[in-house]
Amino acid sequence: TLKKMIALASLDTEHSKPGTDLQMEITIEAIRLKANVKVGTLPFFNPARKTATPV
């Protein structure tokens, strides 16, 4: 596991620079909360094994 929450969002160009701090609204069990988030770079997860092992 990554031990981090990951979210995908559509952003305006002026807010899309990696490292930009933003706030987003999340809903957990019908309760709306605000979370501080940071724009990441792609790929945000790069697994060591990318393809299936050959037989």
N, C-alpha and C. Protein backbone atom coordinates (compact mmCIF):
# COMPACT_ATOMS: atom_id res chain seq x y z
N THR A 1 0.83 -1.19 0.00
CA THR A 1 0.00 0.00 0.00
C THR A 1 0.87 1.24 0.00
N LEU A 2 0.31 2.33 -0.45
CA LEU A 2 1.04 3.60 -0.50
C LEU A 2 1.05 4.34 0.82
N LYS A 3 0.10 4.01 1.70
CA LYS A 3 -0.07 4.68 3.00
C LYS A 3 -0.34 6.18 2.83
N LYS A 4 -0.97 6.54 1.71
CA LYS A 4 -1.37 7.91 1.43
C LYS A 4 -2.69 7.89 0.70
N MET A 5 -3.49 8.92 0.88
CA MET A 5 -4.72 9.05 0.12
C MET A 5 -4.38 9.66 -1.23
N ILE A 6 -5.03 9.14 -2.28
CA ILE A 6 -4.82 9.65 -3.63
C ILE A 6 -6.16 10.11 -4.18
N ALA A 7 -6.19 11.28 -4.79
CA ALA A 7 -7.40 11.79 -5.42
C ALA A 7 -7.05 12.29 -6.81
N LEU A 8 -8.01 12.18 -7.71
CA LEU A 8 -7.86 12.74 -9.05
C LEU A 8 -8.82 13.90 -9.17
N ALA A 9 -8.37 14.98 -9.80
CA ALA A 9 -9.22 16.16 -9.93
C ALA A 9 -8.89 16.89 -11.22
N SER A 10 -9.87 17.63 -11.72
CA SER A 10 -9.66 18.52 -12.85
C SER A 10 -9.37 19.91 -12.29
N LEU A 11 -8.26 20.50 -12.72
CA LEU A 11 -7.84 21.80 -12.20
C LEU A 11 -7.70 22.81 -13.33
N ASP A 12 -7.91 24.07 -12.99
CA ASP A 12 -7.58 25.14 -13.93
C ASP A 12 -6.06 25.19 -14.07
N THR A 13 -5.60 25.66 -15.21
CA THR A 13 -4.17 25.69 -15.51
C THR A 13 -3.36 26.41 -14.45
N GLU A 14 -3.87 27.52 -13.93
CA GLU A 14 -3.10 28.29 -12.95
C GLU A 14 -2.90 27.56 -11.62
N HIS A 15 -3.67 26.49 -11.37
CA HIS A 15 -3.55 25.73 -10.13
C HIS A 15 -2.89 24.36 -10.34
N SER A 16 -2.46 24.05 -11.55
CA SER A 16 -2.02 22.69 -11.86
C SER A 16 -0.52 22.44 -11.72
N LYS A 17 0.25 23.42 -11.30
CA LYS A 17 1.69 23.24 -11.16
C LYS A 17 2.00 22.28 -10.00
N PRO A 18 2.86 21.26 -10.22
CA PRO A 18 3.21 20.33 -9.14
C PRO A 18 3.76 21.08 -7.92
N GLY A 19 3.30 20.66 -6.75
CA GLY A 19 3.71 21.29 -5.50
C GLY A 19 2.76 22.36 -5.01
N THR A 20 1.75 22.72 -5.82
CA THR A 20 0.78 23.75 -5.42
C THR A 20 -0.09 23.22 -4.28
N ASP A 21 -0.24 23.99 -3.22
CA ASP A 21 -1.11 23.63 -2.10
C ASP A 21 -2.52 24.12 -2.38
N LEU A 22 -3.52 23.24 -2.19
CA LEU A 22 -4.93 23.56 -2.41
C LEU A 22 -5.76 22.99 -1.28
N GLN A 23 -7.04 23.31 -1.27
CA GLN A 23 -8.00 22.69 -0.37
C GLN A 23 -9.08 22.04 -1.22
N MET A 24 -9.55 20.86 -0.79
CA MET A 24 -10.64 20.20 -1.48
C MET A 24 -11.66 19.72 -0.47
N GLU A 25 -12.87 19.53 -0.93
CA GLU A 25 -13.93 19.03 -0.06
C GLU A 25 -14.08 17.54 -0.28
N ILE A 26 -14.12 16.77 0.82
CA ILE A 26 -14.35 15.34 0.75
C ILE A 26 -15.57 15.01 1.60
N THR A 27 -16.25 13.94 1.25
CA THR A 27 -17.41 13.49 2.01
C THR A 27 -17.13 12.10 2.56
N ILE A 28 -17.21 11.97 3.88
CA ILE A 28 -17.01 10.69 4.55
C ILE A 28 -18.24 10.43 5.41
N GLU A 29 -18.96 9.35 5.09
CA GLU A 29 -20.18 8.97 5.81
C GLU A 29 -21.13 10.16 5.94
N ALA A 30 -21.42 10.81 4.83
CA ALA A 30 -22.37 11.92 4.72
C ALA A 30 -21.93 13.18 5.47
N ILE A 31 -20.68 13.27 5.85
CA ILE A 31 -20.15 14.46 6.51
C ILE A 31 -19.13 15.11 5.58
N ARG A 32 -19.35 16.38 5.26
CA ARG A 32 -18.42 17.10 4.39
C ARG A 32 -17.27 17.68 5.20
N LEU A 33 -16.07 17.43 4.71
CA LEU A 33 -14.86 17.93 5.36
C LEU A 33 -13.98 18.61 4.32
N LYS A 34 -13.12 19.51 4.76
CA LYS A 34 -12.13 20.12 3.88
C LYS A 34 -10.78 19.51 4.20
N ALA A 35 -10.02 19.23 3.15
CA ALA A 35 -8.70 18.63 3.32
C ALA A 35 -7.67 19.48 2.59
N ASN A 36 -6.51 19.65 3.21
CA ASN A 36 -5.40 20.32 2.54
C ASN A 36 -4.73 19.30 1.63
N VAL A 37 -4.50 19.68 0.39
CA VAL A 37 -3.91 18.77 -0.60
C VAL A 37 -2.77 19.46 -1.33
N LYS A 38 -1.95 18.65 -1.99
CA LYS A 38 -0.83 19.18 -2.77
C LYS A 38 -0.85 18.51 -4.14
N VAL A 39 -0.68 19.30 -5.19
CA VAL A 39 -0.64 18.77 -6.56
C VAL A 39 0.64 17.97 -6.72
N GLY A 40 0.50 16.72 -7.17
CA GLY A 40 1.65 15.84 -7.34
C GLY A 40 2.06 15.73 -8.80
N THR A 41 3.17 15.05 -9.02
CA THR A 41 3.65 14.81 -10.37
C THR A 41 3.27 13.40 -10.80
N LEU A 42 3.23 13.16 -12.08
CA LEU A 42 2.94 11.83 -12.60
C LEU A 42 4.25 11.17 -13.02
N PRO A 43 4.42 9.88 -12.85
CA PRO A 43 3.50 9.02 -12.13
C PRO A 43 3.70 9.17 -10.64
N PHE A 44 2.60 9.20 -9.86
CA PHE A 44 2.74 9.31 -8.41
C PHE A 44 3.00 7.96 -7.78
N PHE A 45 2.91 6.88 -8.58
CA PHE A 45 3.26 5.54 -8.11
C PHE A 45 3.97 4.84 -9.25
N ASN A 46 5.17 4.35 -9.02
CA ASN A 46 5.95 3.68 -10.04
C ASN A 46 6.40 2.33 -9.48
N PRO A 47 5.59 1.27 -9.71
CA PRO A 47 5.92 -0.03 -9.13
C PRO A 47 7.20 -0.62 -9.72
N ALA A 48 7.92 -1.37 -8.92
CA ALA A 48 9.16 -1.99 -9.38
C ALA A 48 8.88 -3.00 -10.49
N ARG A 49 7.80 -3.77 -10.37
CA ARG A 49 7.46 -4.78 -11.37
C ARG A 49 6.30 -4.26 -12.21
N LYS A 50 6.57 -3.82 -13.42
CA LYS A 50 5.56 -3.20 -14.26
C LYS A 50 4.83 -4.19 -15.16
N THR A 51 5.45 -5.33 -15.46
CA THR A 51 4.82 -6.31 -16.33
C THR A 51 4.77 -7.66 -15.64
N ALA A 52 3.92 -8.52 -16.15
CA ALA A 52 3.81 -9.86 -15.59
C ALA A 52 5.11 -10.63 -15.83
N THR A 53 5.43 -11.52 -14.92
CA THR A 53 6.62 -12.35 -15.06
C THR A 53 6.41 -13.35 -16.20
N PRO A 54 7.36 -13.48 -17.14
CA PRO A 54 7.19 -14.44 -18.23
C PRO A 54 7.12 -15.87 -17.72
N VAL A 55 6.38 -16.68 -18.44
CA VAL A 55 6.20 -18.09 -18.04
C VAL A 55 7.36 -18.91 -18.51
